Amino acid sequence: MAVNKNFVVKNGLEVNTDLIFADASTEKVGIGSTIPATQLDVKGGIAVTDINATGVTTVVTLRGTTGIVTTIDAISIQATNLTVSGVSTGISVNSATNFYVSGVTTTTTLDVIGTGNMAVGIITNAQGTNLNYAGISTLGVTTTTDLTAQKLNVSGISTLATNVIFTKDASGIGATVGAAVGVVTYYGDGVNLTNVSGQGVGVRTTGAIVGYGFTILNFIGAGNTFAVDGKTVDISIAGGGGGGSVSIGSEAPDSPSSGSLWYHTEYGRTFVYFDEVTLGIGNTAVWVDAAPFNQGGQFINKYGDNALGAIGYTG
């Protein structure tokens, strides 16, 4: 049947029972529906090459292998591979296996429930059960229960409420404090504070000095000064023109060295051990009164293990 003219239907058109239904009174067409709700109401599937929607389009579920959308406003999007090239505003992103952002992304809250890997990022507030920073990261204010890091650089002031454990690596270094840091306050008994070099470590209390016990106390350098209250045993002083020990007793100490001091408890005098061999000026070693009262050339001589109380003479 061939008709070479317009085909006009004034009152309506129905093909089969509900295959195509055109209602002239409502100006609506239904495909697969005899009661079309809109101008084109399709009950079933549609296969088209291109769809151009200039107005508002409501889609309950949109599935596609490849799609390019200029503007999309959706409450929920589930996609295997979603690429956003422009500026996007999203309420939430759930169940994203790979989420790649090439530009700047601002999120109110970033919650990582499982294992999250971030190459480079600036995060103001991060909450995560397991958050791994593989590259260089800058953290503003961070509260964490358990933190494991290979390199942690803190440029500001950090407060550590509990113990901090530094585990040494293969080179044997546990914690390194640079010289430009300034004063480091150490709280503890100092039992495991070892390998201190350079300028050394000063130890004292913040209030009144209570006292400290030392097995060996060495003063190294020129111009050493120290105070002694009571009896002091084996204080070694090196530098400042000589070295030696300080002893207190009624008998001279054994094996003195040049510059050693001995306070005689019976005579109330202090003697210095004068070793000409060490000084390279002779072959005599004697105890000399440190304050001889203008008795020039006089000294205390030592015979055997004891020193005589009288003033001797070599001439």
Protein backbone atom coordinates (compact mmCIF):
# COMPACT_ATOMS: atom_id res chain seq x y z
CA MET A 1 0.00 0.00 0.00
CA ALA A 2 1.48 3.29 -1.08
CA VAL A 3 -0.08 6.64 -0.35
CA ASN A 4 1.65 9.74 -1.69
CA LYS A 5 0.06 12.23 0.76
CA ASN A 6 0.02 13.14 4.47
CA PHE A 7 -1.56 10.64 6.82
CA VAL A 8 -3.74 12.58 9.32
CA VAL A 9 -5.47 11.11 12.37
CA LYS A 10 -7.76 13.53 14.23
CA ASN A 11 -9.23 11.49 17.07
CA GLY A 12 -6.39 9.09 17.94
CA LEU A 13 -4.38 6.12 16.82
CA GLU A 14 -3.86 2.70 18.35
CA VAL A 15 -1.65 -0.05 16.94
CA ASN A 16 -2.38 -3.48 18.35
CA THR A 17 -3.55 -3.41 21.97
CA ASP A 18 -0.85 -1.23 23.54
CA LEU A 19 2.01 -1.22 21.03
CA ILE A 20 1.56 2.40 19.93
CA PHE A 21 -1.16 4.60 21.39
CA ALA A 22 -1.69 8.25 20.44
CA ASP A 23 -4.26 10.25 22.42
CA ALA A 24 -5.36 13.32 20.51
CA SER A 25 -7.19 14.82 23.48
CA THR A 26 -4.11 14.86 25.75
CA GLU A 27 -1.55 15.16 22.96
CA LYS A 28 0.45 12.29 24.45
CA VAL A 29 1.92 9.22 22.83
CA GLY A 30 2.53 5.94 24.57
CA ILE A 31 4.68 3.06 23.43
CA GLY A 32 3.81 -0.07 25.33
CA SER A 33 1.31 1.97 27.36
CA THR A 34 -2.31 2.96 26.70
CA ILE A 35 -2.22 5.65 29.40
CA PRO A 36 0.82 7.83 28.57
CA ALA A 37 1.82 10.06 31.48
CA THR A 38 4.04 12.38 29.40
CA GLN A 39 4.24 13.49 25.81
CA LEU A 40 6.26 10.34 25.05
CA ASP A 41 5.79 7.51 27.50
CA VAL A 42 7.81 4.39 26.74
CA LYS A 43 7.32 1.22 28.76
CA GLY A 44 10.33 -0.98 27.97
CA GLY A 45 13.79 -0.55 26.51
CA ILE A 46 15.07 2.09 24.10
CA ALA A 47 18.03 1.59 21.78
CA VAL A 48 19.26 4.85 20.24
CA THR A 49 22.49 6.12 18.71
CA ASP A 50 22.47 9.63 20.23
CA ILE A 51 20.33 11.29 22.92
CA ASN A 52 20.31 15.08 23.19
CA ALA A 53 18.48 16.41 26.24
CA THR A 54 18.43 20.22 26.41
CA GLY A 55 16.35 20.46 29.56
CA VAL A 56 16.17 18.67 32.89
CA THR A 57 16.49 14.89 32.65
CA THR A 58 15.65 12.57 35.54
CA VAL A 59 17.32 9.16 35.31
CA VAL A 60 16.82 6.61 38.07
CA THR A 61 19.68 4.39 36.88
CA LEU A 62 22.19 5.31 34.15
CA ARG A 63 24.53 2.60 32.93
CA GLY A 64 26.93 2.93 30.07
CA THR A 65 30.25 1.55 28.83
CA THR A 66 31.58 4.91 27.65
CA GLY A 67 29.89 8.25 28.19
CA ILE A 68 30.75 11.94 27.97
CA VAL A 69 28.53 14.21 30.08
CA THR A 70 29.05 17.97 30.07
CA THR A 71 27.02 18.70 33.22
CA ILE A 72 25.58 16.15 35.62
CA ASP A 73 23.74 16.70 38.91
CA ALA A 74 23.22 13.35 40.58
CA ILE A 75 22.48 12.21 44.10
CA SER A 76 24.27 8.86 43.70
CA ILE A 77 26.71 7.71 41.00
CA GLN A 78 28.13 4.19 40.77
CA ALA A 79 30.75 3.77 38.07
CA THR A 80 33.63 1.41 37.37
CA ASN A 81 35.67 4.13 35.65
CA LEU A 82 34.50 7.74 36.09
CA THR A 83 36.67 10.51 34.64
CA VAL A 84 35.88 14.13 35.56
CA SER A 85 37.93 16.65 33.59
CA GLY A 86 36.44 19.90 34.87
CA VAL A 87 35.28 21.32 38.20
CA SER A 88 32.96 18.99 40.09
CA THR A 89 30.98 19.35 43.30
CA GLY A 90 30.02 16.10 44.97
CA ILE A 91 28.18 15.35 48.19
CA SER A 92 29.83 11.98 48.82
CA VAL A 93 31.98 9.40 47.05
CA ASN A 94 31.42 5.85 48.23
CA SER A 95 33.09 2.57 47.26
CA ALA A 96 35.72 4.06 44.95
CA THR A 97 38.46 1.54 44.12
CA ASN A 98 40.69 4.07 42.32
CA PHE A 99 39.95 7.76 42.88
CA TYR A 100 42.32 9.98 40.91
CA VAL A 101 42.28 13.77 41.16
CA SER A 102 44.56 15.73 38.84
CA GLY A 103 43.75 19.18 40.23
CA VAL A 104 42.85 20.64 43.63
CA THR A 105 40.14 18.86 45.59
CA THR A 106 38.49 20.31 48.70
CA THR A 107 36.77 17.81 50.98
CA THR A 108 35.16 18.52 54.32
CA THR A 109 35.93 15.05 55.69
CA LEU A 110 38.12 12.30 54.22
CA ASP A 111 37.31 9.04 55.97
CA VAL A 112 39.45 6.01 55.07
CA ILE A 113 37.94 2.85 56.53
CA GLY A 114 40.24 0.24 55.02
CA THR A 115 43.72 0.77 53.59
CA GLY A 116 44.30 4.05 51.77
CA ASN A 117 47.33 5.09 49.73
CA MET A 118 47.92 8.74 48.89
CA ALA A 119 50.91 9.74 46.76
CA VAL A 120 50.93 13.52 47.27
CA GLY A 121 48.39 15.57 49.15
CA ILE A 122 47.77 18.46 51.53
CA ILE A 123 45.22 17.49 54.17
CA THR A 124 43.95 19.80 56.90
CA ASN A 125 42.12 17.13 58.89
CA ALA A 126 42.56 13.42 58.17
CA GLN A 127 40.76 10.62 60.01
CA GLY A 128 41.65 7.10 58.98
CA THR A 129 42.08 3.66 60.45
CA ASN A 130 45.05 2.89 58.21
CA LEU A 131 46.48 5.86 56.29
CA ASN A 132 49.73 5.34 54.39
CA TYR A 133 51.76 8.34 53.16
CA ALA A 134 54.16 7.00 50.54
CA GLY A 135 55.63 10.29 49.31
CA ILE A 136 55.96 13.79 50.73
CA SER A 137 52.97 14.91 52.78
CA THR A 138 52.13 18.07 54.68
CA LEU A 139 49.85 17.71 57.71
CA GLY A 140 48.42 20.77 59.43
CA VAL A 141 46.75 19.53 62.63
CA THR A 142 46.62 15.77 63.01
CA THR A 143 45.37 13.60 65.85
CA THR A 144 46.46 9.98 65.60
CA THR A 145 46.41 6.95 67.88
CA ASP A 146 49.04 4.88 66.05
CA LEU A 147 51.53 6.45 63.62
CA THR A 148 54.25 4.54 61.76
CA ALA A 149 56.41 6.67 59.48
CA GLN A 150 59.74 6.24 57.69
CA LYS A 151 60.46 9.99 57.59
CA LEU A 152 58.58 12.40 59.85
CA ASN A 153 59.51 16.07 59.56
CA VAL A 154 57.89 18.38 62.12
CA SER A 155 58.51 22.06 61.42
CA GLY A 156 56.45 23.46 64.30
CA ILE A 157 55.82 22.58 67.94
CA SER A 158 54.56 19.07 68.66
CA THR A 159 53.17 17.75 71.93
CA LEU A 160 53.61 14.06 72.71
CA ALA A 161 51.39 12.96 75.58
CA THR A 162 52.85 9.49 76.14
CA ASN A 163 56.11 7.65 75.62
CA VAL A 164 57.99 7.87 72.33
CA ILE A 165 60.09 4.85 71.34
CA PHE A 166 62.91 5.28 68.81
CA THR A 167 64.09 1.99 67.30
CA LYS A 168 67.57 2.12 65.81
CA ASP A 169 68.11 1.04 62.22
CA ALA A 170 70.92 -1.00 60.67
CA SER A 171 73.41 1.84 61.15
CA GLY A 172 72.71 1.90 64.89
CA ILE A 173 71.10 5.35 65.06
CA GLY A 174 67.97 5.72 67.14
CA ALA A 175 67.16 9.42 67.49
CA THR A 176 69.21 12.27 66.04
CA VAL A 177 68.97 15.85 67.36
CA GLY A 178 70.69 18.48 65.24
CA ALA A 179 73.07 21.04 66.72
CA ALA A 180 70.86 23.95 65.67
CA VAL A 181 67.86 22.66 67.64
CA GLY A 182 68.93 24.45 70.82
CA VAL A 183 68.36 23.26 74.37
CA VAL A 184 66.99 19.74 74.73
CA THR A 185 65.41 18.97 78.10
CA TYR A 186 65.89 15.35 79.09
CA TYR A 187 63.81 13.77 81.87
CA GLY A 188 65.03 10.45 83.26
CA ASP A 189 67.82 8.77 85.19
CA GLY A 190 70.21 8.84 82.22
CA VAL A 191 71.05 5.14 82.47
CA ASN A 192 70.62 4.57 78.72
CA LEU A 193 71.85 8.01 77.60
CA THR A 194 75.05 7.00 75.80
CA ASN A 195 77.26 7.96 72.86
CA VAL A 196 77.20 11.66 73.70
CA SER A 197 79.86 13.53 71.75
CA GLY A 198 80.62 17.07 70.65
CA GLN A 199 79.84 19.71 73.26
CA GLY A 200 78.47 17.16 75.74
CA VAL A 201 75.38 17.21 77.93
CA GLY A 202 74.64 19.36 80.96
CA VAL A 203 72.74 17.71 83.83
CA ARG A 204 70.99 19.52 86.67
CA THR A 205 67.57 20.04 88.20
CA THR A 206 65.26 22.95 87.44
CA GLY A 207 65.25 23.99 91.10
CA ALA A 208 67.84 23.55 93.82
CA ILE A 209 70.74 21.21 93.07
CA VAL A 210 70.27 17.93 94.91
CA GLY A 211 73.39 16.01 93.90
CA TYR A 212 74.53 13.32 91.52
CA GLY A 213 76.68 10.22 91.82
CA PHE A 214 79.51 9.56 89.38
CA THR A 215 81.97 6.71 89.05
CA ILE A 216 84.43 8.83 87.03
CA LEU A 217 84.16 12.59 86.63
CA ASN A 218 86.51 14.17 84.08
CA PHE A 219 87.04 17.89 83.50
CA ILE A 220 88.60 18.37 80.05
CA GLY A 221 89.70 21.71 78.65
CA ALA A 222 91.53 24.85 79.67
CA GLY A 223 90.48 27.00 82.61
CA ASN A 224 88.59 24.35 84.60
CA THR A 225 87.02 25.34 87.91
CA PHE A 226 85.08 23.26 90.41
CA ALA A 227 84.05 23.39 94.07
CA VAL A 228 84.56 20.62 96.62
CA ASP A 229 82.46 20.26 99.77
CA GLY A 230 83.68 17.49 102.02
CA LYS A 231 85.85 14.60 100.89
CA THR A 232 86.17 13.92 97.16
CA VAL A 233 87.85 10.81 95.81
CA ASP A 234 89.39 10.41 92.35
CA ILE A 235 88.55 13.60 90.45
CA SER A 236 90.46 13.62 87.17
CA ILE A 237 91.24 16.95 85.51
CA ALA A 238 92.79 17.20 82.05
CA GLY A 239 93.74 20.35 80.20
CA GLY A 240 94.37 23.82 81.56
CA GLY A 241 98.13 23.25 81.90
CA GLY A 242 98.24 19.74 83.37
CA GLY A 243 96.37 16.82 84.78
CA GLY A 244 96.15 14.91 88.02
CA SER A 245 93.98 13.93 90.95
CA VAL A 246 92.88 15.47 94.24
CA SER A 247 93.40 13.50 97.46
CA ILE A 248 92.78 14.20 101.14
CA GLY A 249 94.53 12.31 103.93
CA SER A 250 97.46 12.12 106.33
CA GLU A 251 99.57 10.10 103.86
CA ALA A 252 100.57 10.87 100.30
CA PRO A 253 98.54 9.01 97.65
CA ASP A 254 100.05 6.18 95.67
CA SER A 255 101.08 6.59 92.01
CA PRO A 256 100.51 10.33 91.67
CA SER A 257 100.97 12.14 88.38
CA SER A 258 102.42 15.54 87.68
CA GLY A 259 99.98 18.19 88.86
CA SER A 260 98.18 15.98 91.42
CA LEU A 261 97.00 17.77 94.56
CA TRP A 262 97.18 16.40 98.10
CA TYR A 263 95.69 18.06 101.15
CA HIS A 264 97.50 16.98 104.35
CA THR A 265 94.91 16.62 107.10
CA GLU A 266 97.43 16.90 109.97
CA TYR A 267 99.43 19.89 108.70
CA GLY A 268 96.54 21.67 107.03
CA ARG A 269 98.63 22.21 103.92
CA THR A 270 98.07 21.52 100.20
CA PHE A 271 100.89 20.02 98.13
CA VAL A 272 101.29 19.63 94.38
CA TYR A 273 103.21 16.76 92.81
CA PHE A 274 106.11 18.29 90.85
CA ASP A 275 107.46 15.80 88.27
CA GLU A 276 110.55 17.14 86.47
CA VAL A 277 110.69 14.11 84.17
CA THR A 278 107.18 14.77 82.83
CA LEU A 279 107.99 18.44 82.36
CA GLY A 280 111.31 17.60 80.68
CA ILE A 281 113.43 19.73 83.02
CA GLY A 282 115.08 17.14 85.25
CA ASN A 283 114.83 13.69 86.82
CA THR A 284 113.28 14.41 90.24
CA ALA A 285 109.65 14.02 91.34
CA VAL A 286 108.62 15.54 94.70
CA TRP A 287 105.60 16.95 96.56
CA VAL A 288 105.92 20.75 96.75
CA ASP A 289 104.00 22.98 99.14
CA ALA A 290 101.42 24.88 97.10
CA ALA A 291 101.81 27.94 99.38
CA PRO A 292 105.35 27.82 100.84
CA PHE A 293 105.24 31.20 102.69
CA ASN A 294 108.21 32.62 100.80
CA GLN A 295 110.30 29.49 101.45
CA GLY A 296 111.71 29.44 97.94
CA GLY A 297 113.29 26.18 96.79
CA GLN A 298 111.93 24.15 99.72
CA PHE A 299 109.65 21.15 99.32
CA ILE A 300 108.24 18.06 100.98
CA ASN A 301 110.28 15.00 100.01
CA LYS A 302 108.83 11.53 99.62
CA TYR A 303 110.60 8.40 100.84
CA GLY A 304 108.95 5.11 99.84
CA ASP A 305 105.19 5.09 100.27
CA ASN A 306 105.11 7.78 102.97
CA ALA A 307 105.82 11.48 102.88
CA LEU A 308 107.62 13.15 105.77
CA GLY A 309 105.90 16.00 107.52
CA ALA A 310 109.03 18.15 107.77
CA ILE A 311 110.22 20.47 105.03
CA GLY A 312 113.12 18.92 103.13
CA TYR A 313 115.99 20.44 101.20
CA THR A 314 118.01 19.25 98.20
CA GLY A 315 121.16 21.18 97.92
